[in-house]
Amino acid sequence: TGSSSNLGGITQYRDAMGSLTGSSSNLGGITQYRDAMGNLTGSSSNLGGITQYRDAMGNLTGSSNSFGGVTQYRDAMGNLTGSASGGSRPGTNDGVKRRPWWPF
């Protein structure tokens, strides 16, 4: 399926063959996601338990918040698009299609 490793605060994501697929880094509470070429693809930040996701241009693309073990996902307009529980990854079983800024 793939793997990830962390070195110096930068997490690298690799596919099953070991090829680099992307990376993420956190600085000052903002996580930046990059593709295999190092191009910025998006970012996320958490404030007050709400995580906001932005594209490479800084436009809000969605948000998520968790309570009671359930995570809710919302689009840029604040509309509920899905939910997940038990730590499942976004895009797997929450009704939300994978977005470019998810590094896995």
PDB file of N, CA and C in Angstrom:
ATOM      1  N   THR A   1       0.819  -1.201   0.000  1.00  0.00           N
ATOM      2  CA  THR A   1       0.000   0.000   0.000  1.00  0.00           C
ATOM      3  C   THR A   1       0.855   1.253   0.000  1.00  0.00           C
ATOM      4  N   GLY A   2       1.936   1.279   0.769  1.00  0.00           N
ATOM      5  CA  GLY A   2       2.781   2.451   0.827  1.00  0.00           C
ATOM      6  C   GLY A   2       3.360   2.638   2.205  1.00  0.00           C
ATOM      7  N   SER A   3       4.168   3.683   2.359  1.00  0.00           N
ATOM      8  CA  SER A   3       4.796   3.929   3.644  1.00  0.00           C
ATOM      9  C   SER A   3       5.085   5.409   3.810  1.00  0.00           C
ATOM     10  N   SER A   4       5.422   5.785   5.029  1.00  0.00           N
ATOM     11  CA  SER A   4       5.826   7.160   5.295  1.00  0.00           C
ATOM     12  C   SER A   4       6.986   7.143   6.277  1.00  0.00           C
ATOM     13  N   SER A   5       7.810   8.170   6.206  1.00  0.00           N
ATOM     14  CA  SER A   5       8.930   8.306   7.127  1.00  0.00           C
ATOM     15  C   SER A   5       9.096   9.773   7.476  1.00  0.00           C
ATOM     16  N   ASN A   6       9.603  10.037   8.678  1.00  0.00           N
ATOM     17  CA  ASN A   6       9.766  11.409   9.128  1.00  0.00           C
ATOM     18  C   ASN A   6      11.233  11.660   9.435  1.00  0.00           C
ATOM     19  N   LEU A   7      11.774  12.710   8.845  1.00  0.00           N
ATOM     20  CA  LEU A   7      13.154  13.089   9.082  1.00  0.00           C
ATOM     21  C   LEU A   7      13.239  14.608   9.118  1.00  0.00           C
ATOM     22  N   GLY A   8      13.666  15.128  10.240  1.00  0.00           N
ATOM     23  CA  GLY A   8      13.822  16.574  10.358  1.00  0.00           C
ATOM     24  C   GLY A   8      12.524  17.334  10.208  1.00  0.00           C
ATOM     25  N   GLY A   9      11.411  16.724  10.613  1.00  0.00           N
ATOM     26  CA  GLY A   9      10.128  17.408  10.545  1.00  0.00           C
ATOM     27  C   GLY A   9       9.440  17.316   9.205  1.00  0.00           C
ATOM     28  N   ILE A  10      10.064  16.648   8.250  1.00  0.00           N
ATOM     29  CA  ILE A  10       9.452  16.457   6.930  1.00  0.00           C
ATOM     30  C   ILE A  10       9.044  14.996   6.800  1.00  0.00           C
ATOM     31  N   THR A  11       7.775  14.767   6.515  1.00  0.00           N
ATOM     32  CA  THR A  11       7.270  13.414   6.318  1.00  0.00           C
ATOM     33  C   THR A  11       7.213  13.126   4.827  1.00  0.00           C
ATOM     34  N   GLN A  12       7.832  12.039   4.412  1.00  0.00           N
ATOM     35  CA  GLN A  12       7.806  11.637   3.012  1.00  0.00           C
ATOM     36  C   GLN A  12       6.881  10.442   2.848  1.00  0.00           C
ATOM     37  N   TYR A  13       6.105  10.458   1.776  1.00  0.00           N
ATOM     38  CA  TYR A  13       5.173   9.376   1.482  1.00  0.00           C
ATOM     39  C   TYR A  13       5.650   8.638   0.241  1.00  0.00           C
ATOM     40  N   ARG A  14       5.645   7.310   0.331  1.00  0.00           N
ATOM     41  CA  ARG A  14       6.114   6.491  -0.782  1.00  0.00           C
ATOM     42  C   ARG A  14       5.084   5.420  -1.111  1.00  0.00           C
ATOM     43  N   ASP A  15       5.053   5.027  -2.384  1.00  0.00           N
ATOM     44  CA  ASP A  15       4.136   3.973  -2.795  1.00  0.00           C
ATOM     45  C   ASP A  15       4.740   2.611  -2.466  1.00  0.00           C
ATOM     46  N   ALA A  16       4.040   1.558  -2.859  1.00  0.00           N
ATOM     47  CA  ALA A  16       4.476   0.201  -2.530  1.00  0.00           C
ATOM     48  C   ALA A  16       5.820  -0.145  -3.163  1.00  0.00           C
ATOM     49  N   MET A  17       6.183   0.548  -4.241  1.00  0.00           N
ATOM     50  CA  MET A  17       7.450   0.288  -4.917  1.00  0.00           C
ATOM     51  C   MET A  17       8.588   1.125  -4.342  1.00  0.00           C
ATOM     52  N   GLY A  18       8.270   2.006  -3.405  1.00  0.00           N
ATOM     53  CA  GLY A  18       9.291   2.845  -2.790  1.00  0.00           C
ATOM     54  C   GLY A  18       9.498   4.179  -3.465  1.00  0.00           C
ATOM     55  N   SER A  19       8.690   4.462  -4.493  1.00  0.00           N
ATOM     56  CA  SER A  19       8.815   5.735  -5.193  1.00  0.00           C
ATOM     57  C   SER A  19       8.166   6.849  -4.381  1.00  0.00           C
ATOM     58  N   LEU A  20       8.821   7.993  -4.332  1.00  0.00           N
ATOM     59  CA  LEU A  20       8.293   9.139  -3.602  1.00  0.00           C
ATOM     60  C   LEU A  20       7.020   9.645  -4.269  1.00  0.00           C
ATOM     61  N   THR A  21       5.953   9.787  -3.494  1.00  0.00           N
ATOM     62  CA  THR A  21       4.694  10.291  -4.039  1.00  0.00           C
ATOM     63  C   THR A  21       4.362  11.680  -3.521  1.00  0.00           C
ATOM     64  N   GLY A  22       4.971  12.082  -2.418  1.00  0.00           N
ATOM     65  CA  GLY A  22       4.699  13.400  -1.875  1.00  0.00           C
ATOM     66  C   GLY A  22       5.330  13.566  -0.509  1.00  0.00           C
ATOM     67  N   SER A  23       5.126  14.735   0.078  1.00  0.00           N
ATOM     68  CA  SER A  23       5.687  15.002   1.397  1.00  0.00           C
ATOM     69  C   SER A  23       4.838  16.034   2.114  1.00  0.00           C
ATOM     70  N   SER A  24       5.050  16.142   3.402  1.00  0.00           N
ATOM     71  CA  SER A  24       4.383  17.171   4.191  1.00  0.00           C
ATOM     72  C   SER A  24       5.343  17.676   5.250  1.00  0.00           C
ATOM     73  N   SER A  25       5.156  18.924   5.641  1.00  0.00           N
ATOM     74  CA  SER A  25       5.980  19.513   6.687  1.00  0.00           C
ATOM     75  C   SER A  25       5.106  20.430   7.524  1.00  0.00           C
ATOM     76  N   ASN A  26       5.451  20.551   8.800  1.00  0.00           N
ATOM     77  CA  ASN A  26       4.665  21.384   9.703  1.00  0.00           C
ATOM     78  C   ASN A  26       5.552  22.477  10.263  1.00  0.00           C
ATOM     79  N   LEU A  27       5.084  23.712  10.148  1.00  0.00           N
ATOM     80  CA  LEU A  27       5.813  24.855  10.677  1.00  0.00           C
ATOM     81  C   LEU A  27       4.809  25.846  11.244  1.00  0.00           C
ATOM     82  N   GLY A  28       4.912  26.095  12.518  1.00  0.00           N
ATOM     83  CA  GLY A  28       4.024  27.071  13.141  1.00  0.00           C
ATOM     84  C   GLY A  28       2.566  26.678  13.108  1.00  0.00           C
ATOM     85  N   GLY A  29       2.307  25.366  13.137  1.00  0.00           N
ATOM     86  CA  GLY A  29       0.926  24.904  13.157  1.00  0.00           C
ATOM     87  C   GLY A  29       0.281  24.780  11.795  1.00  0.00           C
ATOM     88  N   ILE A  30       1.019  25.102  10.744  1.00  0.00           N
ATOM     89  CA  ILE A  30       0.509  24.958   9.379  1.00  0.00           C
ATOM     90  C   ILE A  30       1.245  23.804   8.709  1.00  0.00           C
ATOM     91  N   THR A  31       0.486  22.845   8.204  1.00  0.00           N
ATOM     92  CA  THR A  31       1.072  21.714   7.494  1.00  0.00           C
ATOM     93  C   THR A  31       0.972  21.969   6.000  1.00  0.00           C
ATOM     94  N   GLN A  32       2.092  21.874   5.310  1.00  0.00           N
ATOM     95  CA  GLN A  32       2.107  22.049   3.864  1.00  0.00           C
ATOM     96  C   GLN A  32       2.296  20.693   3.203  1.00  0.00           C
ATOM     97  N   TYR A  33       1.552  20.470   2.122  1.00  0.00           N
ATOM     98  CA  TYR A  33       1.640  19.224   1.367  1.00  0.00           C
ATOM     99  C   TYR A  33       2.276  19.508   0.014  1.00  0.00           C
ATOM    100  N   ARG A  34       3.187  18.646  -0.390  1.00  0.00           N
ATOM    101  CA  ARG A  34       3.875  18.824  -1.663  1.00  0.00           C
ATOM    102  C   ARG A  34       3.851  17.526  -2.463  1.00  0.00           C
ATOM    103  N   ASP A  35       3.913  17.661  -3.791  1.00  0.00           N
ATOM    104  CA  ASP A  35       3.948  16.476  -4.635  1.00  0.00           C
ATOM    105  C   ASP A  35       5.381  15.945  -4.707  1.00  0.00           C
ATOM    106  N   ALA A  36       5.579  14.916  -5.507  1.00  0.00           N
ATOM    107  CA  ALA A  36       6.889  14.277  -5.589  1.00  0.00           C
ATOM    108  C   ALA A  36       7.962  15.216  -6.133  1.00  0.00           C
ATOM    109  N   MET A  37       7.558  16.246  -6.875  1.00  0.00           N
ATOM    110  CA  MET A  37       8.506  17.200  -7.441  1.00  0.00           C
ATOM    111  C   MET A  37       8.792  18.358  -6.497  1.00  0.00           C
ATOM    112  N   GLY A  38       8.094  18.384  -5.361  1.00  0.00           N
ATOM    113  CA  GLY A  38       8.298  19.454  -4.391  1.00  0.00           C
ATOM    114  C   GLY A  38       7.372  20.636  -4.561  1.00  0.00           C
ATOM    115  N   ASN A  39       6.433  20.540  -5.500  1.00  0.00           N
ATOM    116  CA  ASN A  39       5.484  21.628  -5.713  1.00  0.00           C
ATOM    117  C   ASN A  39       4.420  21.626  -4.623  1.00  0.00           C
ATOM    118  N   LEU A  40       4.096  22.801  -4.125  1.00  0.00           N
ATOM    119  CA  LEU A  40       3.060  22.928  -3.105  1.00  0.00           C
ATOM    120  C   LEU A  40       1.707  22.549  -3.692  1.00  0.00           C
ATOM    121  N   THR A  41       1.011  21.621  -3.038  1.00  0.00           N
ATOM    122  CA  THR A  41      -0.312  21.211  -3.515  1.00  0.00           C
ATOM    123  C   THR A  41      -1.422  21.666  -2.583  1.00  0.00           C
ATOM    124  N   GLY A  42      -1.083  22.014  -1.344  1.00  0.00           N
ATOM    125  CA  GLY A  42      -2.107  22.471  -0.418  1.00  0.00           C
ATOM    126  C   GLY A  42      -1.559  22.574   0.984  1.00  0.00           C
ATOM    127  N   SER A  43      -2.427  22.963   1.909  1.00  0.00           N
ATOM    128  CA  SER A  43      -2.008  23.110   3.297  1.00  0.00           C
ATOM    129  C   SER A  43      -3.193  22.885   4.215  1.00  0.00           C
ATOM    130  N   SER A  44      -2.898  22.689   5.481  1.00  0.00           N
ATOM    131  CA  SER A  44      -3.948  22.567   6.483  1.00  0.00           C
ATOM    132  C   SER A  44      -3.478  23.233   7.769  1.00  0.00           C
ATOM    133  N   SER A  45      -4.433  23.710   8.545  1.00  0.00           N
ATOM    134  CA  SER A  45      -4.122  24.323   9.826  1.00  0.00           C
ATOM    135  C   SER A  45      -5.240  24.000  10.798  1.00  0.00           C
ATOM    136  N   ASN A  46      -4.893  23.927  12.078  1.00  0.00           N
ATOM    137  CA  ASN A  46      -5.878  23.593  13.103  1.00  0.00           C
ATOM    138  C   ASN A  46      -5.986  24.736  14.090  1.00  0.00           C
ATOM    139  N   LEU A  47      -7.201  25.171  14.326  1.00  0.00           N
ATOM    140  CA  LEU A  47      -7.450  26.237  15.286  1.00  0.00           C
ATOM    141  C   LEU A  47      -8.725  25.909  16.041  1.00  0.00           C
ATOM    142  N   GLY A  48      -8.606  25.755  17.325  1.00  0.00           N
ATOM    143  CA  GLY A  48      -9.784  25.481  18.138  1.00  0.00           C
ATOM    144  C   GLY A  48     -10.469  24.176  17.814  1.00  0.00           C
ATOM    145  N   GLY A  49      -9.698  23.187  17.348  1.00  0.00           N
ATOM    146  CA  GLY A  49     -10.270  21.881  17.050  1.00  0.00           C
ATOM    147  C   GLY A  49     -10.858  21.755  15.662  1.00  0.00           C
ATOM    148  N   ILE A  50     -10.811  22.824  14.884  1.00  0.00           N
ATOM    149  CA  ILE A  50     -11.289  22.787  13.498  1.00  0.00           C
ATOM    150  C   ILE A  50     -10.082  22.850  12.574  1.00  0.00           C
ATOM    151  N   THR A  51      -9.977  21.871  11.693  1.00  0.00           N
ATOM    152  CA  THR A  51      -8.889  21.849  10.722  1.00  0.00           C
ATOM    153  C   THR A  51      -9.397  22.406   9.404  1.00  0.00           C
ATOM    154  N   GLN A  52      -8.696  23.398   8.872  1.00  0.00           N
ATOM    155  CA  GLN A  52      -9.053  23.977   7.582  1.00  0.00           C
ATOM    156  C   GLN A  52      -8.054  23.506   6.538  1.00  0.00           C
ATOM    157  N   TYR A  53      -8.572  23.208   5.345  1.00  0.00           N
ATOM    158  CA  TYR A  53      -7.741  22.743   4.244  1.00  0.00           C
ATOM    159  C   TYR A  53      -7.777  23.776   3.130  1.00  0.00           C
ATOM    160  N   ARG A  54      -6.611  24.065   2.581  1.00  0.00           N
ATOM    161  CA  ARG A  54      -6.510  25.072   1.528  1.00  0.00           C
ATOM    162  C   ARG A  54      -5.728  24.516   0.341  1.00  0.00           C
ATOM    163  N   ASP A  55      -6.025  25.039  -0.843  1.00  0.00           N
ATOM    164  CA  ASP A  55      -5.290  24.614  -2.024  1.00  0.00           C
ATOM    165  C   ASP A  55      -3.966  25.373  -2.100  1.00  0.00           C
ATOM    166  N   ALA A  56      -3.221  25.147  -3.170  1.00  0.00           N
ATOM    167  CA  ALA A  56      -1.902  25.756  -3.297  1.00  0.00           C
ATOM    168  C   ALA A  56      -1.962  27.277  -3.371  1.00  0.00           C
ATOM    169  N   MET A  57      -3.105  27.821  -3.772  1.00  0.00           N
ATOM    170  CA  MET A  57      -3.268  29.269  -3.870  1.00  0.00           C
ATOM    171  C   MET A  57      -3.755  29.884  -2.569  1.00  0.00           C
ATOM    172  N   GLY A  58      -4.035  29.040  -1.579  1.00  0.00           N
ATOM    173  CA  GLY A  58      -4.498  29.544  -0.291  1.00  0.00           C
ATOM    174  C   GLY A  58      -6.003  29.626  -0.157  1.00  0.00           C
ATOM    175  N   ASN A  59      -6.729  29.152  -1.169  1.00  0.00           N
ATOM    176  CA  ASN A  59      -8.188  29.180  -1.112  1.00  0.00           C
ATOM    177  C   ASN A  59      -8.706  28.055  -0.217  1.00  0.00           C
ATOM    178  N   LEU A  60      -9.679  28.365   0.609  1.00  0.00           N
ATOM    179  CA  LEU A  60     -10.286  27.361   1.476  1.00  0.00           C
ATOM    180  C   LEU A  60     -11.007  26.321   0.630  1.00  0.00           C
ATOM    181  N   THR A  61     -10.691  25.046   0.862  1.00  0.00           N
ATOM    182  CA  THR A  61     -11.346  23.977   0.106  1.00  0.00           C
ATOM    183  C   THR A  61     -12.227  23.104   0.983  1.00  0.00           C
ATOM    184  N   GLY A  62     -12.020  23.144   2.289  1.00  0.00           N
ATOM    185  CA  GLY A  62     -12.846  22.340   3.178  1.00  0.00           C
ATOM    186  C   GLY A  62     -12.346  22.413   4.603  1.00  0.00           C
ATOM    187  N   SER A  63     -13.053  21.724   5.474  1.00  0.00           N
ATOM    188  CA  SER A  63     -12.668  21.701   6.883  1.00  0.00           C
ATOM    189  C   SER A  63     -13.141  20.406   7.522  1.00  0.00           C
ATOM    190  N   SER A  64     -12.604  20.129   8.689  1.00  0.00           N
ATOM    191  CA  SER A  64     -13.043  18.963   9.449  1.00  0.00           C
ATOM    192  C   SER A  64     -12.962  19.275  10.934  1.00  0.00           C
ATOM    193  N   ASN A  65     -13.797  18.606  11.697  1.00  0.00           N
ATOM    194  CA  ASN A  65     -13.742  18.717  13.149  1.00  0.00           C
ATOM    195  C   ASN A  65     -14.148  17.383  13.751  1.00  0.00           C
ATOM    196  N   SER A  66     -13.593  17.089  14.902  1.00  0.00           N
ATOM    197  CA  SER A  66     -13.852  15.809  15.562  1.00  0.00           C
ATOM    198  C   SER A  66     -14.441  16.021  16.944  1.00  0.00           C
ATOM    199  N   PHE A  67     -15.370  15.157  17.279  1.00  0.00           N
ATOM    200  CA  PHE A  67     -15.903  15.141  18.640  1.00  0.00           C
ATOM    201  C   PHE A  67     -16.496  13.767  18.894  1.00  0.00           C
ATOM    202  N   GLY A  68     -16.259  13.236  20.071  1.00  0.00           N
ATOM    203  CA  GLY A  68     -16.812  11.932  20.421  1.00  0.00           C
ATOM    204  C   GLY A  68     -16.376  10.808  19.516  1.00  0.00           C
ATOM    205  N   GLY A  69     -15.183  10.924  18.927  1.00  0.00           N
ATOM    206  CA  GLY A  69     -14.685   9.868  18.055  1.00  0.00           C
ATOM    207  C   GLY A  69     -15.214   9.925  16.636  1.00  0.00           C
ATOM    208  N   VAL A  70     -16.014  10.931  16.323  1.00  0.00           N
ATOM    209  CA  VAL A  70     -16.562  11.088  14.975  1.00  0.00           C
ATOM    210  C   VAL A  70     -15.979  12.351  14.346  1.00  0.00           C
ATOM    211  N   THR A  71     -15.486  12.227  13.136  1.00  0.00           N
ATOM    212  CA  THR A  71     -14.959  13.369  12.403  1.00  0.00           C
ATOM    213  C   THR A  71     -15.945  13.757  11.315  1.00  0.00           C
ATOM    214  N   GLN A  72     -16.271  15.039  11.254  1.00  0.00           N
ATOM    215  CA  GLN A  72     -17.161  15.546  10.213  1.00  0.00           C
ATOM    216  C   GLN A  72     -16.349  16.356   9.216  1.00  0.00           C
ATOM    217  N   TYR A  73     -16.676  16.182   7.938  1.00  0.00           N
ATOM    218  CA  TYR A  73     -15.997  16.897   6.867  1.00  0.00           C
ATOM    219  C   TYR A  73     -16.977  17.852   6.204  1.00  0.00           C
ATOM    220  N   ARG A  74     -16.516  19.061   5.939  1.00  0.00           N
ATOM    221  CA  ARG A  74     -17.357  20.078   5.319  1.00  0.00           C
ATOM    222  C   ARG A  74     -16.642  20.693   4.124  1.00  0.00           C
ATOM    223  N   ASP A  75     -17.431  21.154   3.157  1.00  0.00           N
ATOM    224  CA  ASP A  75     -16.841  21.815   2.007  1.00  0.00           C
ATOM    225  C   ASP A  75     -16.533  23.272   2.352  1.00  0.00           C
ATOM    226  N   ALA A  76     -16.057  24.021   1.360  1.00  0.00           N
ATOM    227  CA  ALA A  76     -15.649  25.404   1.602  1.00  0.00           C
ATOM    228  C   ALA A  76     -16.808  26.288   2.047  1.00  0.00           C
ATOM    229  N   MET A  77     -18.037  25.882   1.720  1.00  0.00           N
ATOM    230  CA  MET A  77     -19.216  26.662   2.095  1.00  0.00           C
ATOM    231  C   MET A  77     -19.749  26.271   3.467  1.00  0.00           C
ATOM    232  N   GLY A  78     -19.152  25.246   4.068  1.00  0.00           N
ATOM    233  CA  GLY A  78     -19.590  24.801   5.386  1.00  0.00           C
ATOM    234  C   GLY A  78     -20.625  23.700   5.357  1.00  0.00           C
ATOM    235  N   ASN A  79     -20.945  23.203   4.156  1.00  0.00           N
ATOM    236  CA  ASN A  79     -21.918  22.122   4.040  1.00  0.00           C
ATOM    237  C   ASN A  79     -21.292  20.791   4.436  1.00  0.00           C
ATOM    238  N   LEU A  80     -22.003  19.998   5.206  1.00  0.00           N
ATOM    239  CA  LEU A  80     -21.516  18.688   5.617  1.00  0.00           C
ATOM    240  C   LEU A  80     -21.427  17.774   4.402  1.00  0.00           C
ATOM    241  N   THR A  81     -20.252  17.187   4.181  1.00  0.00           N
ATOM    242  CA  THR A  81     -20.067  16.306   3.030  1.00  0.00           C
ATOM    243  C   THR A  81     -19.867  14.855   3.434  1.00  0.00           C
ATOM    244  N   GLY A  82     -19.548  14.601   4.698  1.00  0.00           N
ATOM    245  CA  GLY A  82     -19.365  13.230   5.129  1.00  0.00           C
ATOM    246  C   GLY A  82     -18.852  13.171   6.546  1.00  0.00           C
ATOM    247  N   SER A  83     -18.753  11.964   7.050  1.00  0.00           N
ATOM    248  CA  SER A  83     -18.225  11.766   8.396  1.00  0.00           C
ATOM    249  C   SER A  83     -17.513  10.428   8.458  1.00  0.00           C
ATOM    250  N   ALA A  84     -16.661  10.277   9.453  1.00  0.00           N
ATOM    251  CA  ALA A  84     -15.916   9.038   9.633  1.00  0.00           C
ATOM    252  C   ALA A  84     -15.702   8.816  11.116  1.00  0.00           C
ATOM    253  N   SER A  85     -15.527   7.563  11.483  1.00  0.00           N
ATOM    254  CA  SER A  85     -15.255   7.242  12.880  1.00  0.00           C
ATOM    255  C   SER A  85     -14.176   6.185  12.945  1.00  0.00           C
ATOM    256  N   GLY A  86     -13.571   6.026  14.084  1.00  0.00           N
ATOM    257  CA  GLY A  86     -12.566   4.989  14.265  1.00  0.00           C
ATOM    258  C   GLY A  86     -11.251   5.271  13.579  1.00  0.00           C
ATOM    259  N   GLY A  87     -10.993   6.533  13.276  1.00  0.00           N
ATOM    260  CA  GLY A  87      -9.699   6.885  12.713  1.00  0.00           C
ATOM    261  C   GLY A  87      -9.532   6.537  11.250  1.00  0.00           C
ATOM    262  N   SER A  88     -10.614   6.318  10.528  1.00  0.00           N
ATOM    263  CA  SER A  88     -10.495   6.006   9.110  1.00  0.00           C
ATOM    264  C   SER A  88      -9.994   7.230   8.358  1.00  0.00           C
ATOM    265  N   ARG A  89      -9.319   6.977   7.267  1.00  0.00           N
ATOM    266  CA  ARG A  89      -8.728   8.074   6.513  1.00  0.00           C
ATOM    267  C   ARG A  89      -9.785   8.789   5.678  1.00  0.00           C
ATOM    268  N   PRO A  90      -9.642  10.093   5.513  1.00  0.00           N
ATOM    269  CA  PRO A  90     -10.562  10.809   4.629  1.00  0.00           C
ATOM    270  C   PRO A  90     -10.497  10.223   3.225  1.00  0.00           C
ATOM    271  N   GLY A  91     -11.634  10.047   2.620  1.00  0.00           N
ATOM    272  CA  GLY A  91     -11.656   9.526   1.263  1.00  0.00           C
ATOM    273  C   GLY A  91     -11.811   8.027   1.192  1.00  0.00           C
ATOM    274  N   THR A  92     -11.811   7.334   2.324  1.00  0.00           N
ATOM    275  CA  THR A  92     -11.947   5.884   2.267  1.00  0.00           C
ATOM    276  C   THR A  92     -13.394   5.458   2.431  1.00  0.00           C
ATOM    277  N   ASN A  93     -14.037   5.897   3.495  1.00  0.00           N
ATOM    278  CA  ASN A  93     -15.412   5.446   3.700  1.00  0.00           C
ATOM    279  C   ASN A  93     -16.312   6.550   4.248  1.00  0.00           C
ATOM    280  N   ASP A  94     -15.915   7.787   4.033  1.00  0.00           N
ATOM    281  CA  ASP A  94     -16.691   8.884   4.602  1.00  0.00           C
ATOM    282  C   ASP A  94     -17.543   9.610   3.569  1.00  0.00           C
ATOM    283  N   GLY A  95     -17.557   9.104   2.348  1.00  0.00           N
ATOM    284  CA  GLY A  95     -18.362   9.747   1.321  1.00  0.00           C
ATOM    285  C   GLY A  95     -17.681  10.943   0.685  1.00  0.00           C
ATOM    286  N   VAL A  96     -16.481  11.255   1.104  1.00  0.00           N
ATOM    287  CA  VAL A  96     -15.750  12.383   0.528  1.00  0.00           C
ATOM    288  C   VAL A  96     -14.727  11.842  -0.460  1.00  0.00           C
ATOM    289  N   LYS A  97     -14.747  12.360  -1.684  1.00  0.00           N
ATOM    290  CA  LYS A  97     -13.757  11.919  -2.660  1.00  0.00           C
ATOM    291  C   LYS A  97     -12.377  12.405  -2.229  1.00  0.00           C
ATOM    292  N   ARG A  98     -11.363  11.648  -2.622  1.00  0.00           N
ATOM    293  CA  ARG A  98      -9.998  12.065  -2.303  1.00  0.00           C
ATOM    294  C   ARG A  98      -9.730  13.435  -2.905  1.00  0.00           C
ATOM    295  N   ARG A  99      -9.008  14.240  -2.174  1.00  0.00           N
ATOM    296  CA  ARG A  99      -8.673  15.575  -2.643  1.00  0.00           C
ATOM    297  C   ARG A  99      -7.162  15.643  -2.859  1.00  0.00           C
ATOM    298  N   PRO A 100      -6.701  16.527  -3.737  1.00  0.00           N
ATOM    299  CA  PRO A 100      -5.277  16.554  -4.078  1.00  0.00           C
ATOM    300  C   PRO A 100      -4.362  16.815  -2.888  1.00  0.00           C
ATOM    301  N   TRP A 101      -4.880  17.472  -1.873  1.00  0.00           N
ATOM    302  CA  TRP A 101      -3.996  17.806  -0.760  1.00  0.00           C
ATOM    303  C   TRP A 101      -3.868  16.690   0.254  1.00  0.00           C
ATOM    304  N   TRP A 102      -4.599  15.572   0.112  1.00  0.00           N
ATOM    305  CA  TRP A 102      -4.357  14.445   1.019  1.00  0.00           C
ATOM    306  C   TRP A 102      -3.129  13.708   0.525  1.00  0.00           C
ATOM    307  N   PRO A 103      -2.120  13.597   1.360  1.00  0.00           N
ATOM    308  CA  PRO A 103      -0.857  13.022   0.883  1.00  0.00           C
ATOM    309  C   PRO A 103      -0.827  11.504   0.860  1.00  0.00           C
ATOM    310  N   PHE A 104      -1.887  10.819   1.240  1.00  0.00           N
ATOM    311  CA  PHE A 104      -1.860   9.360   1.264  1.00  0.00           C
ATOM    312  C   PHE A 104      -3.027   8.784   0.502  1.00  0.00           C
TER     313      PHE A 104
END
